[in-house]
Every structure is written in C-alpha cells, then in structure tokens.
Amino acid sequence: MDQATRKFILDIMQHAKDLTLATIRPDGYPQATTVSYGNDGLTLYVGIGKHSQKADNIRRCNKVSLAIDGEYGDWKDIKGLSMGAQAEVLADPDEIRHAAECLAKRFPQVMEWAGTEMMREVAFLRIRPQVISVLDYEKGFGHTELVTV
C-alpha cells in the first residue's frame, strides 16, 4: 500500500465516530452491529459485552467484515472503508490495557469504567484488517480501490 492510501485510510479512521462490525452467527447469517472503536495504526480495538452474541460469534469464527463511513454532505463527497479482517477476543492483561488506552484516546469516558464492575463485563477485541476496500466518490461514483494489508 502506498503512503497516500495509508494516510487516506488513517484519516477516515481518525475522524469517523463508529464502525459497523459484521460477525457470523451460528446459523450462517451475518450479524452487523455499530460499535465505537480505537486504533493503533491500522489495528482496531473494540469493547463489547463479554457474553454477547458478537463475542460468541468471534470465538467461533474470527473472520469479520466492517465498514467505516466518513461524514459527507453530498453523495459526490462520500468516503469510507470496508474491511475483511480477523478479530480476536483479548485475554492478555497487557493487550487489554493497550486496547483500553486506544479506546480512551477517542473516548475518555472509557477510563471511568476502570476498576468498576462494568469493566468485568467487557471483552476487548483486536481487529486486524487483511483487505481494505477504499471508497472515494470524489474520484467518481462508486470508485473503490482494493488494498491488501
């Protein structure tokens, strides 16, 4: 991936509010849920319910898809990302701490949970993109570029 494409991807990741994460349910249907995220470069971190359907889906199959949309006022200004990725529920305390710190950079209220009962119910995910579809309508309607990570 060239430097300009990487910068474009990171800029969208930095400015978007949420992402939509699709996991695979036991019946084979995708389950899409909007979640907040933090990132360290291209690696994404998400906090979800430890006993949620999403967590169970990822424990069973680590393949996920996600979409991150940039804000726009007109269709010709649409920019976004769609990713095929691998997700994992973190178990190592240092990795969990890093995930929480990445989320706290974007959402400082995460640190209010530290040491509370609520934090015991959160599972942190690390999501590593494998392929990214970069959407940029300024280059034409429906323009996408596929990037392998």
C-alpha atoms as a PDB file:
ATOM      1  CA  MET A   1       0.000   0.000   0.000  1.00  0.00           C
ATOM      2  CA  ASP A   2       1.366   3.401  -0.903  1.00  0.00           C
ATOM      3  CA  GLN A   3       1.786   6.201   1.640  1.00  0.00           C
ATOM      4  CA  ALA A   4      -1.082   8.336   0.236  1.00  0.00           C
ATOM      5  CA  THR A   5      -3.553   5.440   0.528  1.00  0.00           C
ATOM      6  CA  ARG A   6      -2.405   4.653   4.071  1.00  0.00           C
ATOM      7  CA  LYS A   7      -2.845   8.325   5.040  1.00  0.00           C
ATOM      8  CA  PHE A   8      -6.349   8.367   3.479  1.00  0.00           C
ATOM      9  CA  ILE A   9      -7.326   5.226   5.451  1.00  0.00           C
ATOM     10  CA  LEU A  10      -5.926   6.538   8.749  1.00  0.00           C
ATOM     11  CA  ASP A  11      -7.629   9.900   8.238  1.00  0.00           C
ATOM     12  CA  ILE A  12     -11.030   8.248   7.861  1.00  0.00           C
ATOM     13  CA  MET A  13     -10.339   6.032  10.880  1.00  0.00           C
ATOM     14  CA  GLN A  14      -9.338   9.071  12.962  1.00  0.00           C
ATOM     15  CA  HIS A  15     -12.390  11.184  12.123  1.00  0.00           C
ATOM     16  CA  ALA A  16     -15.233   8.648  11.941  1.00  0.00           C
ATOM     17  CA  LYS A  17     -17.311   8.147  15.085  1.00  0.00           C
ATOM     18  CA  ASP A  18     -18.172   4.454  14.838  1.00  0.00           C
ATOM     19  CA  LEU A  19     -17.869   1.380  12.672  1.00  0.00           C
ATOM     20  CA  THR A  20     -20.316  -1.330  11.735  1.00  0.00           C
ATOM     21  CA  LEU A  21     -18.931  -4.773  12.578  1.00  0.00           C
ATOM     22  CA  ALA A  22     -20.335  -7.886  10.937  1.00  0.00           C
ATOM     23  CA  THR A  23     -19.719 -11.278  12.535  1.00  0.00           C
ATOM     24  CA  ILE A  24     -21.010 -14.710  11.531  1.00  0.00           C
ATOM     25  CA  ARG A  25     -23.874 -16.136  13.592  1.00  0.00           C
ATOM     26  CA  PRO A  26     -24.179 -19.892  14.253  1.00  0.00           C
ATOM     27  CA  ASP A  27     -26.916 -20.126  11.576  1.00  0.00           C
ATOM     28  CA  GLY A  28     -24.524 -18.672   8.985  1.00  0.00           C
ATOM     29  CA  TYR A  29     -26.194 -15.272   8.700  1.00  0.00           C
ATOM     30  CA  PRO A  30     -24.079 -12.174   9.244  1.00  0.00           C
ATOM     31  CA  GLN A  31     -24.816 -10.046  12.305  1.00  0.00           C
ATOM     32  CA  ALA A  32     -23.970  -6.355  11.872  1.00  0.00           C
ATOM     33  CA  THR A  33     -23.652  -4.066  14.886  1.00  0.00           C
ATOM     34  CA  THR A  34     -22.474  -0.476  15.251  1.00  0.00           C
ATOM     35  CA  VAL A  35     -19.657  -0.103  17.786  1.00  0.00           C
ATOM     36  CA  SER A  36     -17.197   2.561  18.888  1.00  0.00           C
ATOM     37  CA  TYR A  37     -13.522   1.862  18.323  1.00  0.00           C
ATOM     38  CA  GLY A  38      -9.983   2.975  18.908  1.00  0.00           C
ATOM     39  CA  ASN A  39      -6.989   2.181  16.761  1.00  0.00           C
ATOM     40  CA  ASP A  40      -3.232   1.861  16.745  1.00  0.00           C
ATOM     41  CA  GLY A  41      -2.324   2.372  13.114  1.00  0.00           C
ATOM     42  CA  LEU A  42      -4.476   0.030  11.062  1.00  0.00           C
ATOM     43  CA  THR A  43      -5.227  -2.257  14.020  1.00  0.00           C
ATOM     44  CA  LEU A  44      -8.652  -1.588  15.528  1.00  0.00           C
ATOM     45  CA  TYR A  45      -9.802  -2.151  19.113  1.00  0.00           C
ATOM     46  CA  VAL A  46     -13.402  -2.523  20.248  1.00  0.00           C
ATOM     47  CA  GLY A  47     -15.020  -3.117  23.631  1.00  0.00           C
ATOM     48  CA  ILE A  48     -18.080  -5.397  23.604  1.00  0.00           C
ATOM     49  CA  GLY A  49     -20.111  -7.385  26.096  1.00  0.00           C
ATOM     50  CA  LYS A  50     -18.082 -10.366  27.283  1.00  0.00           C
ATOM     51  CA  HIS A  51     -21.100 -12.666  26.936  1.00  0.00           C
ATOM     52  CA  SER A  52     -22.660 -11.012  23.875  1.00  0.00           C
ATOM     53  CA  GLN A  53     -23.669 -12.778  20.675  1.00  0.00           C
ATOM     54  CA  LYS A  54     -20.912 -10.826  18.911  1.00  0.00           C
ATOM     55  CA  ALA A  55     -18.265 -12.186  21.299  1.00  0.00           C
ATOM     56  CA  ASP A  56     -19.592 -15.743  20.894  1.00  0.00           C
ATOM     57  CA  ASN A  57     -19.594 -15.347  17.104  1.00  0.00           C
ATOM     58  CA  ILE A  58     -15.947 -14.227  17.090  1.00  0.00           C
ATOM     59  CA  ARG A  59     -14.869 -17.015  19.429  1.00  0.00           C
ATOM     60  CA  ARG A  60     -16.402 -19.467  16.955  1.00  0.00           C
ATOM     61  CA  CYS A  61     -15.209 -17.747  13.722  1.00  0.00           C
ATOM     62  CA  ASN A  62     -12.658 -14.964  13.719  1.00  0.00           C
ATOM     63  CA  LYS A  63     -13.499 -13.687  10.221  1.00  0.00           C
ATOM     64  CA  VAL A  64     -15.293 -10.341  10.324  1.00  0.00           C
ATOM     65  CA  SER A  65     -16.202  -7.544   7.958  1.00  0.00           C
ATOM     66  CA  LEU A  66     -16.575  -3.927   8.896  1.00  0.00           C
ATOM     67  CA  ALA A  67     -17.415  -0.572   7.401  1.00  0.00           C
ATOM     68  CA  ILE A  68     -16.307   2.891   8.474  1.00  0.00           C
ATOM     69  CA  ASP A  69     -18.032   5.865   6.868  1.00  0.00           C
ATOM     70  CA  GLY A  70     -16.714   9.394   6.746  1.00  0.00           C
ATOM     71  CA  GLU A  71     -19.108  12.312   7.158  1.00  0.00           C
ATOM     72  CA  TYR A  72     -20.364  13.887   3.943  1.00  0.00           C
ATOM     73  CA  GLY A  73     -22.846  16.486   2.792  1.00  0.00           C
ATOM     74  CA  ASP A  74     -23.241  15.363  -0.799  1.00  0.00           C
ATOM     75  CA  TRP A  75     -23.002  11.958  -2.458  1.00  0.00           C
ATOM     76  CA  LYS A  76     -20.039  13.071  -4.548  1.00  0.00           C
ATOM     77  CA  ASP A  77     -18.118  13.548  -1.277  1.00  0.00           C
ATOM     78  CA  ILE A  78     -18.664  10.021   0.091  1.00  0.00           C
ATOM     79  CA  LYS A  79     -15.517   8.437   1.510  1.00  0.00           C
ATOM     80  CA  GLY A  80     -15.284   5.256   3.506  1.00  0.00           C
ATOM     81  CA  LEU A  81     -13.658   1.937   4.198  1.00  0.00           C
ATOM     82  CA  SER A  82     -14.842  -1.640   4.033  1.00  0.00           C
ATOM     83  CA  MET A  83     -12.579  -4.304   5.504  1.00  0.00           C
ATOM     84  CA  GLY A  84     -12.235  -8.039   5.623  1.00  0.00           C
ATOM     85  CA  ALA A  85     -10.430  -8.727   8.882  1.00  0.00           C
ATOM     86  CA  GLN A  86      -9.573 -11.190  11.603  1.00  0.00           C
ATOM     87  CA  ALA A  87     -10.777 -10.466  15.135  1.00  0.00           C
ATOM     88  CA  GLU A  88      -9.817 -11.949  18.442  1.00  0.00           C
ATOM     89  CA  VAL A  89     -11.060 -11.581  21.986  1.00  0.00           C
ATOM     90  CA  LEU A  90      -8.062 -10.430  24.012  1.00  0.00           C
ATOM     91  CA  ALA A  91      -7.006 -12.371  27.112  1.00  0.00           C
ATOM     92  CA  ASP A  92      -3.534 -10.981  27.907  1.00  0.00           C
ATOM     93  CA  PRO A  93      -3.765  -8.155  30.519  1.00  0.00           C
ATOM     94  CA  ASP A  94      -1.148  -6.021  28.705  1.00  0.00           C
ATOM     95  CA  GLU A  95      -3.039  -6.315  25.410  1.00  0.00           C
ATOM     96  CA  ILE A  96      -6.326  -5.494  27.172  1.00  0.00           C
ATOM     97  CA  ARG A  97      -4.734  -2.425  28.758  1.00  0.00           C
ATOM     98  CA  HIS A  98      -3.413  -1.299  25.348  1.00  0.00           C
ATOM     99  CA  ALA A  99      -6.877  -1.770  23.787  1.00  0.00           C
ATOM    100  CA  ALA A 100      -8.478   0.275  26.589  1.00  0.00           C
ATOM    101  CA  GLU A 101      -5.867   3.021  26.152  1.00  0.00           C
ATOM    102  CA  CYS A 102      -6.537   3.179  22.390  1.00  0.00           C
ATOM    103  CA  LEU A 103     -10.269   3.486  23.049  1.00  0.00           C
ATOM    104  CA  ALA A 104      -9.684   6.084  25.785  1.00  0.00           C
ATOM    105  CA  LYS A 105      -7.782   8.333  23.351  1.00  0.00           C
ATOM    106  CA  ARG A 106     -11.006   8.710  21.359  1.00  0.00           C
ATOM    107  CA  PHE A 107     -13.482   8.229  24.205  1.00  0.00           C
ATOM    108  CA  PRO A 108     -12.011   9.392  27.539  1.00  0.00           C
ATOM    109  CA  GLN A 109     -15.111   8.167  29.408  1.00  0.00           C
ATOM    110  CA  VAL A 110     -13.782   4.613  28.969  1.00  0.00           C
ATOM    111  CA  MET A 111     -11.372   5.298  31.836  1.00  0.00           C
ATOM    112  CA  GLU A 112     -14.339   5.933  34.146  1.00  0.00           C
ATOM    113  CA  TRP A 113     -15.037   2.187  33.872  1.00  0.00           C
ATOM    114  CA  ALA A 114     -11.563   1.162  35.050  1.00  0.00           C
ATOM    115  CA  GLY A 115     -11.811  -0.909  38.207  1.00  0.00           C
ATOM    116  CA  THR A 116     -15.625  -0.985  38.161  1.00  0.00           C
ATOM    117  CA  GLU A 117     -17.965  -3.954  37.932  1.00  0.00           C
ATOM    118  CA  MET A 118     -18.872  -2.844  34.406  1.00  0.00           C
ATOM    119  CA  MET A 119     -15.287  -3.375  33.226  1.00  0.00           C
ATOM    120  CA  ARG A 120     -15.509  -7.025  34.272  1.00  0.00           C
ATOM    121  CA  GLU A 121     -18.308  -7.461  31.737  1.00  0.00           C
ATOM    122  CA  VAL A 122     -16.328  -6.013  28.807  1.00  0.00           C
ATOM    123  CA  ALA A 123     -14.368  -8.054  26.304  1.00  0.00           C
ATOM    124  CA  PHE A 124     -11.834  -6.219  24.168  1.00  0.00           C
ATOM    125  CA  LEU A 125     -11.327  -7.181  20.540  1.00  0.00           C
ATOM    126  CA  ARG A 126      -8.277  -6.678  18.381  1.00  0.00           C
ATOM    127  CA  ILE A 127      -9.252  -6.478  14.719  1.00  0.00           C
ATOM    128  CA  ARG A 128      -6.534  -6.808  12.093  1.00  0.00           C
ATOM    129  CA  PRO A 129      -7.538  -5.916   8.537  1.00  0.00           C
ATOM    130  CA  GLN A 130      -6.480  -8.319   5.803  1.00  0.00           C
ATOM    131  CA  VAL A 131      -8.010  -6.466   2.864  1.00  0.00           C
ATOM    132  CA  ILE A 132      -9.390  -2.910   2.704  1.00  0.00           C
ATOM    133  CA  SER A 133     -11.735  -1.519   0.077  1.00  0.00           C
ATOM    134  CA  VAL A 134     -11.131   2.237  -0.044  1.00  0.00           C
ATOM    135  CA  LEU A 135     -14.187   4.183  -1.201  1.00  0.00           C
ATOM    136  CA  ASP A 136     -13.713   7.695  -2.634  1.00  0.00           C
ATOM    137  CA  TYR A 137     -16.564   9.160  -4.685  1.00  0.00           C
ATOM    138  CA  GLU A 138     -14.508  12.297  -5.402  1.00  0.00           C
ATOM    139  CA  LYS A 139     -12.750  10.073  -7.960  1.00  0.00           C
ATOM    140  CA  GLY A 140     -16.088   9.024  -9.459  1.00  0.00           C
ATOM    141  CA  PHE A 141     -19.377   7.446  -8.404  1.00  0.00           C
ATOM    142  CA  GLY A 142     -18.711   4.133  -6.654  1.00  0.00           C
ATOM    143  CA  HIS A 143     -14.913   4.434  -7.021  1.00  0.00           C
ATOM    144  CA  THR A 144     -13.111   1.871  -4.871  1.00  0.00           C
ATOM    145  CA  GLU A 145      -9.559   0.607  -4.616  1.00  0.00           C
ATOM    146  CA  LEU A 146      -8.784  -2.749  -3.060  1.00  0.00           C
ATOM    147  CA  VAL A 147      -5.718  -2.813  -0.809  1.00  0.00           C
ATOM    148  CA  THR A 148      -4.154  -5.917   0.720  1.00  0.00           C
ATOM    149  CA  VAL A 149      -2.618  -5.336   4.138  1.00  0.00           C
END
